[in-house]
């Protein structure tokens, strides 16, 4: 297992609750101080102006530790819909650039 995956798994399990850092150390074979540092990094990424990717990754780990299955499924569907929307917007941008015609509807006065 890659280190990032192991880190996400350990932090997620710890954030679920019901387990101490020492117990996590015994289960995972990773020093409890390292686990504590990972959890703090995750909390800082969630609460501060860290990178968007770091926030997203840590918040997903923290949320998945506490959310029911149906909510996780809906969040995954929402993320997929957002990615699809981003893809469509990129395709429109490329088409407008290549064909040099406006495709998006302009808001405001009637266009002729």
Protein backbone atom coordinates (compact mmCIF):
# COMPACT_ATOMS: atom_id res chain seq x y z
CA UNK A 1 0.00 0.00 0.00
CA UNK A 2 1.31 3.43 -0.91
CA UNK A 3 2.14 5.83 1.90
CA UNK A 4 -0.61 8.30 0.98
CA UNK A 5 -3.21 5.55 1.03
CA UNK A 6 -1.88 4.22 4.33
CA UNK A 7 -1.88 7.74 5.78
CA UNK A 8 -5.48 8.35 4.67
CA UNK A 9 -6.57 4.99 6.08
CA UNK A 10 -4.89 5.54 9.47
CA UNK A 11 -6.12 9.14 9.83
CA UNK A 12 -9.63 8.14 8.77
CA UNK A 13 -9.75 5.28 11.25
CA UNK A 14 -8.48 7.53 14.04
CA UNK A 15 -11.01 10.25 13.18
CA UNK A 16 -13.85 7.72 13.36
CA UNK A 17 -13.23 7.70 17.08
CA UNK A 18 -13.13 4.96 19.67
CA UNK A 19 -9.41 4.38 19.24
CA UNK A 20 -6.40 6.04 20.83
CA UNK A 21 -3.16 7.02 19.14
CA UNK A 22 -1.36 4.22 20.99
CA UNK A 23 -3.89 1.66 19.75
CA UNK A 24 -3.46 2.98 16.21
CA UNK A 25 0.30 2.62 16.64
CA UNK A 26 -0.12 -1.05 17.57
CA UNK A 27 -2.56 -1.72 14.72
CA UNK A 28 -0.66 0.05 11.95
CA UNK A 29 2.94 -0.25 13.10
CA UNK A 30 3.37 3.51 12.69
CA UNK A 31 4.67 5.62 15.57
CA UNK A 32 1.88 7.41 17.44
CA UNK A 33 3.72 10.74 17.10
CA UNK A 34 3.64 10.36 13.32
CA UNK A 35 -0.07 9.59 13.40
CA UNK A 36 -0.64 12.63 15.64
CA UNK A 37 1.30 14.82 13.19
CA UNK A 38 -0.79 13.48 10.27
CA UNK A 39 -4.04 14.22 12.12
CA UNK A 40 -2.85 17.75 12.97
CA UNK A 41 -1.81 18.35 9.34
CA UNK A 42 -5.25 17.27 8.26
CA UNK A 43 -6.94 19.56 10.78
CA UNK A 44 -4.77 22.50 9.67
CA UNK A 45 -5.53 21.78 6.01
CA UNK A 46 -9.24 21.74 6.76
CA UNK A 47 -9.24 24.86 8.93
CA UNK A 48 -6.75 27.13 7.20
CA UNK A 49 -5.99 28.47 3.75
CA UNK A 50 -4.09 25.37 2.64
CA UNK A 51 -4.12 24.06 -0.90
CA UNK A 52 -7.49 23.06 -2.28
CA UNK A 53 -6.31 19.50 -2.93
CA UNK A 54 -5.03 19.10 0.63
CA UNK A 55 -8.28 20.42 2.04
CA UNK A 56 -10.34 18.18 -0.20
CA UNK A 57 -8.35 15.06 0.65
CA UNK A 58 -8.37 15.67 4.40
CA UNK A 59 -11.99 16.70 4.51
CA UNK A 60 -12.99 13.59 2.58
CA UNK A 61 -11.09 11.42 5.05
CA UNK A 62 -12.71 13.18 8.00
CA UNK A 63 -16.20 13.16 6.47
CA UNK A 64 -16.05 9.54 5.38
CA UNK A 65 -15.16 8.58 8.91
CA UNK A 66 -18.48 9.98 10.18
CA UNK A 67 -21.03 9.77 7.36
CA UNK A 68 -23.54 7.04 6.53
CA UNK A 69 -23.25 5.13 3.25
CA UNK A 70 -26.09 6.93 1.47
CA UNK A 71 -24.55 10.34 2.18
CA UNK A 72 -21.16 9.13 0.92
CA UNK A 73 -22.84 7.85 -2.25
CA UNK A 74 -24.58 11.19 -2.81
CA UNK A 75 -21.34 13.08 -2.25
CA UNK A 76 -19.61 10.89 -4.81
CA UNK A 77 -22.41 11.52 -7.31
CA UNK A 78 -22.14 15.27 -6.67
CA UNK A 79 -18.39 15.20 -7.24
CA UNK A 80 -18.90 13.29 -10.50
CA UNK A 81 -21.54 15.81 -11.63
CA UNK A 82 -19.18 18.69 -10.87
CA UNK A 83 -16.40 17.02 -12.87
CA UNK A 84 -18.81 16.44 -15.76
CA UNK A 85 -19.86 20.11 -15.67
CA UNK A 86 -16.21 21.17 -15.67
CA UNK A 87 -15.57 18.91 -18.68
CA UNK A 88 -18.51 20.38 -20.61
CA UNK A 89 -17.37 23.94 -19.88
CA UNK A 90 -13.87 23.08 -21.08
CA UNK A 91 -15.31 21.61 -24.29
CA UNK A 92 -17.36 24.78 -24.90
CA UNK A 93 -14.28 26.95 -24.30
CA UNK A 94 -12.26 24.92 -26.80
CA UNK A 95 -15.06 25.00 -29.40
CA UNK A 96 -15.48 28.78 -29.03
CA UNK A 97 -11.75 29.27 -29.45
CA UNK A 98 -11.40 26.98 -32.48
CA UNK A 99 -14.52 28.07 -34.37
CA UNK A 100 -14.36 31.70 -33.21
CA UNK A 101 -18.10 31.89 -32.50
CA UNK A 102 -19.86 32.52 -29.19
CA UNK A 103 -21.67 29.39 -28.02
CA UNK A 104 -22.76 30.36 -24.54
CA UNK A 105 -25.99 32.30 -24.19
CA UNK A 106 -25.41 35.91 -23.24
CA UNK A 107 -27.61 37.17 -20.41
CA UNK A 108 -29.30 40.51 -20.69
CA UNK A 109 -30.72 42.10 -23.82
CA UNK A 110 -31.99 39.95 -26.66
CA UNK A 111 -29.28 38.69 -28.97
CA UNK A 112 -29.87 38.65 -32.73
